[in-house]
Amino acid sequence: MTQYLNFSGNYYRNITKHKITANYENNRTSADAFLLCIKDLPYEELDNLCKEIEQYYRYKENPISLSLEDCYKLTQGQDTQDILCDKEFKQILLSLAYQCIDKGITVGSKLRENSNDSTTSWISHCLYQGETAAVLAKNLGLDSDTARKLGILHDIGRKYIHTLLHTVAGFETLVDEGWTDEAFVCLTHSFIGNPTTHKGGRCCGCDPALPGFYLDEEGNPNWQPSAEKDDVTSFLESYNYNLYDSIINMSDLMATSYGTLAPYDRVADISTRTTPDPQNKNYFKAEFSNLMLHLLEQSGEITVNNIGTLKATSDISDSKMDEIFYSVSALFTDYYNQICRYPTKSLQNKENSSIKQ
């Protein structure tokens, strides 16, 4: 079902108008971002993390006894009698959240209704994505903590809704919290930026494109004159993706809630939950392959892209595009596994994990 991505009011719409590109580097850290992500979540969605906090302080050289109630207060940015929720604690909190996923558990034990899936699996995905983005950014000469911050924040809209509208919900949430610079990553992360035009296309693999969107014979995206475009489409047409946006695109298409996959496997994983849109699935794979090749060039891993710019032309078959996509994915996976902390997993790991999304 096609979803129109419109803002809830002109206040948010006006913020996106005339925005050329986002400046993501500032004094807000990934630890600040994580605290914002878990703000207002109930205890049962953070109980595993609270237990990690309690144990961390219990087994310090100079132990501090904290109740789970105090631990929860700290996750909500409140000081306790013994611990200040300051810069040092926020960094400890983030490291303990990563300790949760290293153990194969989510930050909270609450399950979705009639499901074995955790309600906080989206946070595990954001943590893996933050680490993936940080690794890619560092290797490309960018600030790794800025990339980690963006990876942690990109899906904050999933606190409220799990459809594609989480992009708009996340943007508006961050604007309301005063994180307007970072808010733009909520809009760009689901739509791959073209390395040549630096513009994002209004399709993301499985979600159907808006009525009136089509590809011409040369594989170029176009719109029928009568097409009704939503707010996010209009924004994407004017905004210029920067390298951080591209890194978040890339890491979102590798990170799951249980680990980091090769790009080809990640797309297959997504397809188990939603059916790829037949109109744009080859366009998506072409744009995704172009993104991977662009990042490989930027890293110096390849000096010349001998494939050229890929396009989903009318004469290319599904099997041929899939073959090309698989080859580029394998090349990127080899590169990533050389530089990362969390090597890519296979899809089989999903069946053995207590963290599912």
Protein backbone atom coordinates (compact mmCIF):
# COMPACT_ATOMS: atom_id res chain seq x y z
CA MET A 1 0.00 0.00 0.00
CA THR A 2 1.37 3.38 -1.04
CA GLN A 3 1.98 5.79 1.82
CA TYR A 4 1.98 9.54 1.36
CA LEU A 5 4.63 11.05 3.62
CA ASN A 6 3.31 14.44 4.66
CA PHE A 7 4.22 16.56 7.67
CA SER A 8 1.66 17.32 10.34
CA GLY A 9 1.85 21.07 9.79
CA ASN A 10 3.49 23.98 7.98
CA TYR A 11 5.96 24.47 10.83
CA TYR A 12 7.81 21.28 9.85
CA ARG A 13 7.23 21.82 6.14
CA ASN A 14 8.87 25.23 6.28
CA ILE A 15 11.95 23.82 8.02
CA THR A 16 12.62 21.56 5.04
CA LYS A 17 12.11 24.28 2.45
CA HIS A 18 15.31 25.63 0.91
CA LYS A 19 17.42 23.21 2.99
CA ILE A 20 20.45 22.57 0.80
CA THR A 21 22.23 20.02 3.01
CA ALA A 22 22.46 19.17 6.71
CA ASN A 23 25.35 20.06 8.99
CA TYR A 24 25.51 17.05 11.28
CA GLU A 25 28.74 17.86 13.12
CA ASN A 26 28.12 19.69 16.40
CA ASN A 27 28.64 19.21 20.14
CA ARG A 28 25.85 16.63 20.54
CA THR A 29 27.26 13.13 20.92
CA SER A 30 26.15 9.57 20.25
CA ALA A 31 25.71 9.12 24.01
CA ASP A 32 23.36 12.14 24.06
CA ALA A 33 21.50 10.61 21.11
CA PHE A 34 21.01 7.27 22.85
CA LEU A 35 19.61 8.93 25.97
CA LEU A 36 17.16 10.81 23.75
CA CYS A 37 16.13 7.57 21.99
CA ILE A 38 15.15 5.86 25.25
CA LYS A 39 13.48 8.93 26.74
CA ASP A 40 9.96 8.18 28.06
CA LEU A 41 10.19 4.43 27.43
CA PRO A 42 8.66 2.47 30.34
CA TYR A 43 10.79 0.36 32.68
CA GLU A 44 9.78 -2.96 31.09
CA GLU A 45 11.26 -1.77 27.79
CA LEU A 46 14.56 -0.93 29.51
CA ASP A 47 14.75 -3.54 32.29
CA ASN A 48 17.68 -5.47 30.75
CA LEU A 49 19.65 -2.24 30.44
CA CYS A 50 18.78 -1.30 34.04
CA LYS A 51 20.15 -4.65 35.23
CA GLU A 52 23.39 -3.97 33.33
CA ILE A 53 23.66 -0.58 35.09
CA GLU A 54 23.07 -2.15 38.50
CA GLN A 55 25.71 -4.83 37.92
CA TYR A 56 28.22 -2.36 36.49
CA TYR A 57 28.21 -0.27 39.67
CA ARG A 58 27.94 -3.27 42.00
CA TYR A 59 31.18 -4.78 40.69
CA LYS A 60 33.25 -1.62 40.45
CA GLU A 61 36.44 -1.36 42.53
CA ASN A 62 34.50 0.96 44.81
CA PRO A 63 31.00 -0.55 44.58
CA ILE A 64 27.85 1.52 44.57
CA SER A 65 24.54 -0.08 45.45
CA LEU A 66 21.77 1.07 43.12
CA SER A 67 18.16 -0.05 43.09
CA LEU A 68 16.59 -0.88 39.73
CA GLU A 69 14.34 2.13 40.29
CA ASP A 70 17.42 4.36 40.51
CA CYS A 71 18.86 2.70 37.42
CA TYR A 72 15.66 3.50 35.52
CA LYS A 73 15.78 7.13 36.70
CA LEU A 74 19.27 7.39 35.21
CA THR A 75 18.01 6.13 31.84
CA GLN A 76 15.52 8.99 31.93
CA GLY A 77 18.21 11.60 32.47
CA GLN A 78 17.57 12.02 36.20
CA ASP A 79 20.33 12.15 38.82
CA THR A 80 20.25 9.78 41.79
CA GLN A 81 21.73 10.27 45.24
CA ASP A 82 24.93 8.49 44.19
CA ILE A 83 25.21 9.00 40.41
CA LEU A 84 24.91 12.10 38.25
CA CYS A 85 23.47 11.65 34.76
CA ASP A 86 26.39 13.60 33.34
CA LYS A 87 28.63 13.20 30.31
CA GLU A 88 30.58 10.36 31.90
CA PHE A 89 27.46 8.40 32.84
CA LYS A 90 25.89 8.86 29.40
CA GLN A 91 28.96 7.26 27.82
CA ILE A 92 28.78 4.38 30.32
CA LEU A 93 25.07 3.97 29.51
CA LEU A 94 25.76 3.70 25.79
CA SER A 95 28.54 1.17 26.36
CA LEU A 96 26.18 -0.92 28.53
CA ALA A 97 23.55 -0.82 25.77
CA TYR A 98 26.16 -2.22 23.38
CA GLN A 99 26.96 -4.80 26.05
CA CYS A 100 23.32 -5.92 25.85
CA ILE A 101 23.45 -6.60 22.13
CA ASP A 102 26.86 -8.24 22.50
CA LYS A 103 25.08 -10.69 24.83
CA GLY A 104 22.32 -11.22 22.29
CA ILE A 105 19.59 -9.46 24.28
CA THR A 106 17.55 -6.31 23.74
CA VAL A 107 17.62 -3.40 26.20
CA GLY A 108 14.15 -4.41 27.39
CA SER A 109 12.39 -7.75 27.85
CA LYS A 110 8.88 -6.65 26.87
CA LEU A 111 7.49 -8.50 23.85
CA ARG A 112 5.10 -7.25 21.22
CA GLU A 113 1.54 -8.48 21.63
CA ASN A 114 1.06 -12.00 20.25
CA SER A 115 4.70 -12.12 19.19
CA ASN A 116 8.13 -13.35 20.28
CA ASP A 117 9.69 -10.13 19.04
CA SER A 118 10.95 -7.52 21.47
CA THR A 119 9.34 -4.08 21.48
CA THR A 120 12.87 -2.62 21.60
CA SER A 121 14.38 -4.58 18.70
CA TRP A 122 14.41 -1.28 16.80
CA ILE A 123 16.92 0.06 19.36
CA SER A 124 19.20 -2.94 18.75
CA HIS A 125 19.02 -2.17 15.03
CA CYS A 126 19.94 1.47 15.72
CA LEU A 127 22.90 0.41 17.88
CA TYR A 128 24.25 -1.92 15.22
CA GLN A 129 23.68 0.76 12.62
CA GLY A 130 25.49 3.34 14.73
CA GLU A 131 28.55 1.10 14.96
CA THR A 132 28.45 0.26 11.25
CA ALA A 133 28.17 3.95 10.34
CA ALA A 134 31.01 4.88 12.71
CA VAL A 135 33.34 2.33 11.09
CA LEU A 136 32.53 3.53 7.58
CA ALA A 137 32.89 7.20 8.56
CA LYS A 138 36.27 6.69 10.21
CA ASN A 139 37.61 4.94 7.14
CA LEU A 140 36.36 7.81 4.96
CA GLY A 141 37.99 10.49 7.12
CA LEU A 142 34.78 11.71 8.77
CA ASP A 143 33.93 11.99 12.45
CA SER A 144 33.00 8.52 13.69
CA ASP A 145 30.93 9.71 16.66
CA THR A 146 28.84 11.96 14.42
CA ALA A 147 28.07 8.96 12.22
CA ARG A 148 27.30 6.80 15.27
CA LYS A 149 24.97 9.54 16.55
CA LEU A 150 23.07 9.60 13.27
CA GLY A 151 22.83 5.82 13.14
CA ILE A 152 21.38 5.71 16.64
CA LEU A 153 18.85 8.46 15.85
CA HIS A 154 17.73 7.54 12.34
CA ASP A 155 14.82 5.30 13.42
CA ILE A 156 13.66 7.23 16.47
CA GLY A 157 10.28 7.54 14.77
CA ARG A 158 9.79 3.81 15.39
CA LYS A 159 9.05 4.67 19.01
CA TYR A 160 5.65 5.68 17.68
CA ILE A 161 4.98 3.92 14.36
CA HIS A 162 6.57 1.09 12.37
CA THR A 163 5.38 1.95 8.86
CA LEU A 164 7.31 4.17 6.43
CA LEU A 165 5.70 7.10 8.24
CA HIS A 166 8.37 6.59 10.93
CA THR A 167 10.55 8.85 8.74
CA VAL A 168 8.22 11.81 9.25
CA ALA A 169 7.55 10.94 12.91
CA GLY A 170 11.29 10.85 13.60
CA PHE A 171 11.91 14.16 11.85
CA GLU A 172 9.18 15.94 13.79
CA THR A 173 10.29 14.38 17.09
CA LEU A 174 13.88 15.56 16.70
CA VAL A 175 12.77 19.04 15.63
CA ASP A 176 10.56 19.25 18.74
CA GLU A 177 13.53 18.17 20.90
CA GLY A 178 15.73 20.91 19.42
CA TRP A 179 17.80 18.47 17.32
CA THR A 180 16.86 20.10 14.03
CA ASP A 181 20.24 19.47 12.36
CA GLU A 182 20.09 15.74 13.02
CA ALA A 183 16.38 15.53 12.16
CA PHE A 184 17.09 15.42 8.43
CA VAL A 185 18.66 11.97 8.67
CA CYS A 186 15.23 10.63 9.60
CA LEU A 187 14.00 11.72 6.17
CA THR A 188 17.00 10.66 4.09
CA HIS A 189 17.89 7.29 5.59
CA SER A 190 15.18 5.32 3.77
CA PHE A 191 15.85 6.85 0.35
CA ILE A 192 19.21 6.24 -1.33
CA GLY A 193 21.03 9.35 -2.51
CA ASN A 194 22.36 9.18 -6.06
CA PRO A 195 26.18 9.67 -6.03
CA THR A 196 26.04 11.68 -9.26
CA THR A 197 23.07 13.99 -8.62
CA HIS A 198 23.26 13.89 -4.78
CA LYS A 199 19.46 13.66 -4.77
CA GLY A 200 17.34 10.97 -3.15
CA GLY A 201 14.80 8.94 -5.13
CA ARG A 202 11.33 8.39 -3.67
CA CYS A 203 11.52 4.61 -3.55
CA CYS A 204 13.08 2.25 -1.05
CA GLY A 205 12.99 -1.26 -2.43
CA CYS A 206 9.85 -2.81 -1.00
CA ASP A 207 7.57 0.17 -0.38
CA PRO A 208 5.59 1.06 -3.51
CA ALA A 209 6.44 4.34 -5.21
CA LEU A 210 3.82 7.06 -5.34
CA PRO A 211 1.30 7.00 -8.20
CA GLY A 212 2.77 8.84 -11.19
CA PHE A 213 6.35 7.74 -10.55
CA TYR A 214 7.93 5.73 -13.36
CA LEU A 215 11.25 4.77 -14.95
CA ASP A 216 11.89 5.65 -18.57
CA GLU A 217 13.54 3.30 -21.08
CA GLU A 218 16.99 4.46 -19.90
CA GLY A 219 16.21 3.71 -16.26
CA ASN A 220 15.85 7.36 -15.25
CA PRO A 221 13.21 8.24 -12.61
CA ASN A 222 10.38 10.46 -13.84
CA TRP A 223 6.97 11.73 -12.81
CA GLN A 224 3.76 12.00 -14.76
CA PRO A 225 2.72 15.70 -15.08
CA SER A 226 -0.42 15.05 -13.04
CA ALA A 227 1.41 13.21 -10.22
CA GLU A 228 0.66 14.31 -6.67
CA LYS A 229 3.92 14.47 -4.72
CA ASP A 230 4.05 14.30 -0.94
CA ASP A 231 6.14 16.51 1.35
CA VAL A 232 9.07 14.12 1.60
CA THR A 233 9.28 13.76 -2.18
CA SER A 234 9.41 17.54 -2.57
CA PHE A 235 12.12 17.71 0.09
CA LEU A 236 14.22 14.98 -1.55
CA GLU A 237 14.15 16.81 -4.88
CA SER A 238 15.75 19.93 -3.39
CA TYR A 239 18.08 18.49 -0.75
CA ASN A 240 21.70 17.56 -1.50
CA TYR A 241 22.91 14.37 0.19
CA ASN A 242 26.27 14.65 1.91
CA LEU A 243 28.64 11.79 2.72
CA TYR A 244 27.08 11.25 6.15
CA ASP A 245 23.67 10.75 4.50
CA SER A 246 25.21 8.18 2.16
CA ILE A 247 26.90 6.37 5.06
CA ILE A 248 23.57 6.16 6.90
CA ASN A 249 21.89 4.85 3.74
CA MET A 250 24.58 2.19 3.53
CA SER A 251 24.61 1.19 7.19
CA ASP A 252 20.78 1.00 7.29
CA LEU A 253 21.00 -1.54 4.48
CA MET A 254 23.42 -3.69 6.45
CA ALA A 255 22.37 -3.43 10.11
CA THR A 256 19.56 -5.57 11.50
CA SER A 257 18.38 -5.97 15.09
CA TYR A 258 20.59 -9.05 15.55
CA GLY A 259 23.78 -8.11 13.72
CA THR A 260 25.22 -6.73 10.50
CA LEU A 261 24.57 -8.51 7.21
CA ALA A 262 26.10 -8.35 3.77
CA PRO A 263 24.00 -5.90 1.71
CA TYR A 264 22.63 -8.68 -0.52
CA ASP A 265 21.54 -10.68 2.53
CA ARG A 266 20.05 -7.60 4.18
CA VAL A 267 17.81 -6.98 1.17
CA ALA A 268 16.80 -10.65 1.21
CA ASP A 269 16.05 -10.30 4.93
CA ILE A 270 13.79 -7.29 4.32
CA SER A 271 12.01 -9.22 1.56
CA THR A 272 10.95 -11.89 4.07
CA ARG A 273 8.68 -9.30 5.70
CA THR A 274 7.58 -7.17 2.75
CA THR A 275 7.31 -8.01 -0.93
CA PRO A 276 9.65 -6.00 -3.20
CA ASP A 277 7.73 -3.54 -5.33
CA PRO A 278 7.88 -4.85 -8.94
CA GLN A 279 7.94 -1.34 -10.40
CA ASN A 280 11.07 -0.14 -8.65
CA LYS A 281 12.95 -3.19 -7.31
CA ASN A 282 15.58 -3.07 -10.10
CA TYR A 283 15.88 0.70 -9.78
CA PHE A 284 16.52 0.22 -6.07
CA LYS A 285 19.19 -2.43 -6.69
CA ALA A 286 20.89 -0.24 -9.30
CA GLU A 287 20.93 2.79 -6.99
CA PHE A 288 22.13 0.65 -4.09
CA SER A 289 24.95 -0.80 -6.23
CA ASN A 290 25.94 2.71 -7.32
CA LEU A 291 26.07 3.77 -3.66
CA MET A 292 28.35 0.86 -2.73
CA LEU A 293 30.68 1.55 -5.65
CA HIS A 294 30.78 5.25 -4.74
CA LEU A 295 31.77 4.51 -1.13
CA LEU A 296 34.40 2.03 -2.30
CA GLU A 297 35.86 4.73 -4.56
CA GLN A 298 35.76 7.28 -1.73
CA SER A 299 37.63 4.86 0.53
CA GLY A 300 40.32 4.18 -2.07
CA GLU A 301 39.37 0.50 -2.09
CA ILE A 302 38.85 0.74 -5.85
CA THR A 303 40.44 3.40 -8.01
CA VAL A 304 38.27 3.05 -11.09
CA ASN A 305 34.67 1.98 -11.26
CA ASN A 306 34.84 -0.16 -14.39
CA ILE A 307 31.14 -0.98 -14.16
CA GLY A 308 30.09 2.62 -14.62
CA THR A 309 26.80 4.08 -13.42
CA LEU A 310 24.20 1.33 -13.24
CA LYS A 311 20.68 1.96 -14.45
CA ALA A 312 17.61 -0.25 -14.45
CA THR A 313 17.02 0.02 -18.20
CA SER A 314 14.04 -1.72 -19.76
CA ASP A 315 16.24 -4.33 -21.44
CA ILE A 316 17.94 -5.58 -18.27
CA SER A 317 16.40 -8.70 -16.76
CA ASP A 318 15.66 -9.24 -13.09
CA SER A 319 18.22 -12.05 -12.97
CA LYS A 320 20.94 -9.92 -14.57
CA MET A 321 20.36 -7.03 -12.19
CA ASP A 322 20.40 -9.44 -9.26
CA GLU A 323 23.69 -10.92 -10.50
CA ILE A 324 25.29 -7.47 -10.68
CA PHE A 325 23.89 -6.50 -7.29
CA TYR A 326 25.25 -9.71 -5.73
CA SER A 327 28.74 -9.09 -7.16
CA VAL A 328 28.89 -5.50 -5.91
CA SER A 329 27.57 -6.58 -2.52
CA ALA A 330 30.29 -9.23 -2.22
CA LEU A 331 32.95 -6.64 -3.06
CA PHE A 332 31.62 -4.22 -0.44
CA THR A 333 31.28 -6.96 2.17
CA ASP A 334 34.92 -7.96 1.78
CA TYR A 335 35.94 -4.33 2.29
CA TYR A 336 33.69 -3.86 5.33
CA ASN A 337 34.84 -7.03 7.06
CA GLN A 338 38.43 -5.77 6.94
CA ILE A 339 37.66 -2.60 8.88
CA CYS A 340 34.80 -3.47 11.25
CA ARG A 341 34.27 -4.51 14.86
CA TYR A 342 31.13 -6.52 14.09
CA PRO A 343 31.83 -8.73 11.02
CA THR A 344 28.85 -9.45 8.81
CA LYS A 345 26.71 -12.42 9.78
CA SER A 346 24.72 -14.84 7.66
CA LEU A 347 20.94 -14.94 7.55
CA GLN A 348 21.11 -18.17 9.56
CA ASN A 349 22.14 -16.14 12.60
CA LYS A 350 18.66 -14.66 12.69
CA GLU A 351 17.08 -17.99 13.51
CA ASN A 352 19.48 -18.47 16.43
CA SER A 353 19.07 -14.99 17.89
CA SER A 354 16.79 -13.82 20.70
CA ILE A 355 16.75 -10.41 18.99
CA LYS A 356 14.43 -10.25 16.02
CA GLN A 357 12.97 -7.45 13.94
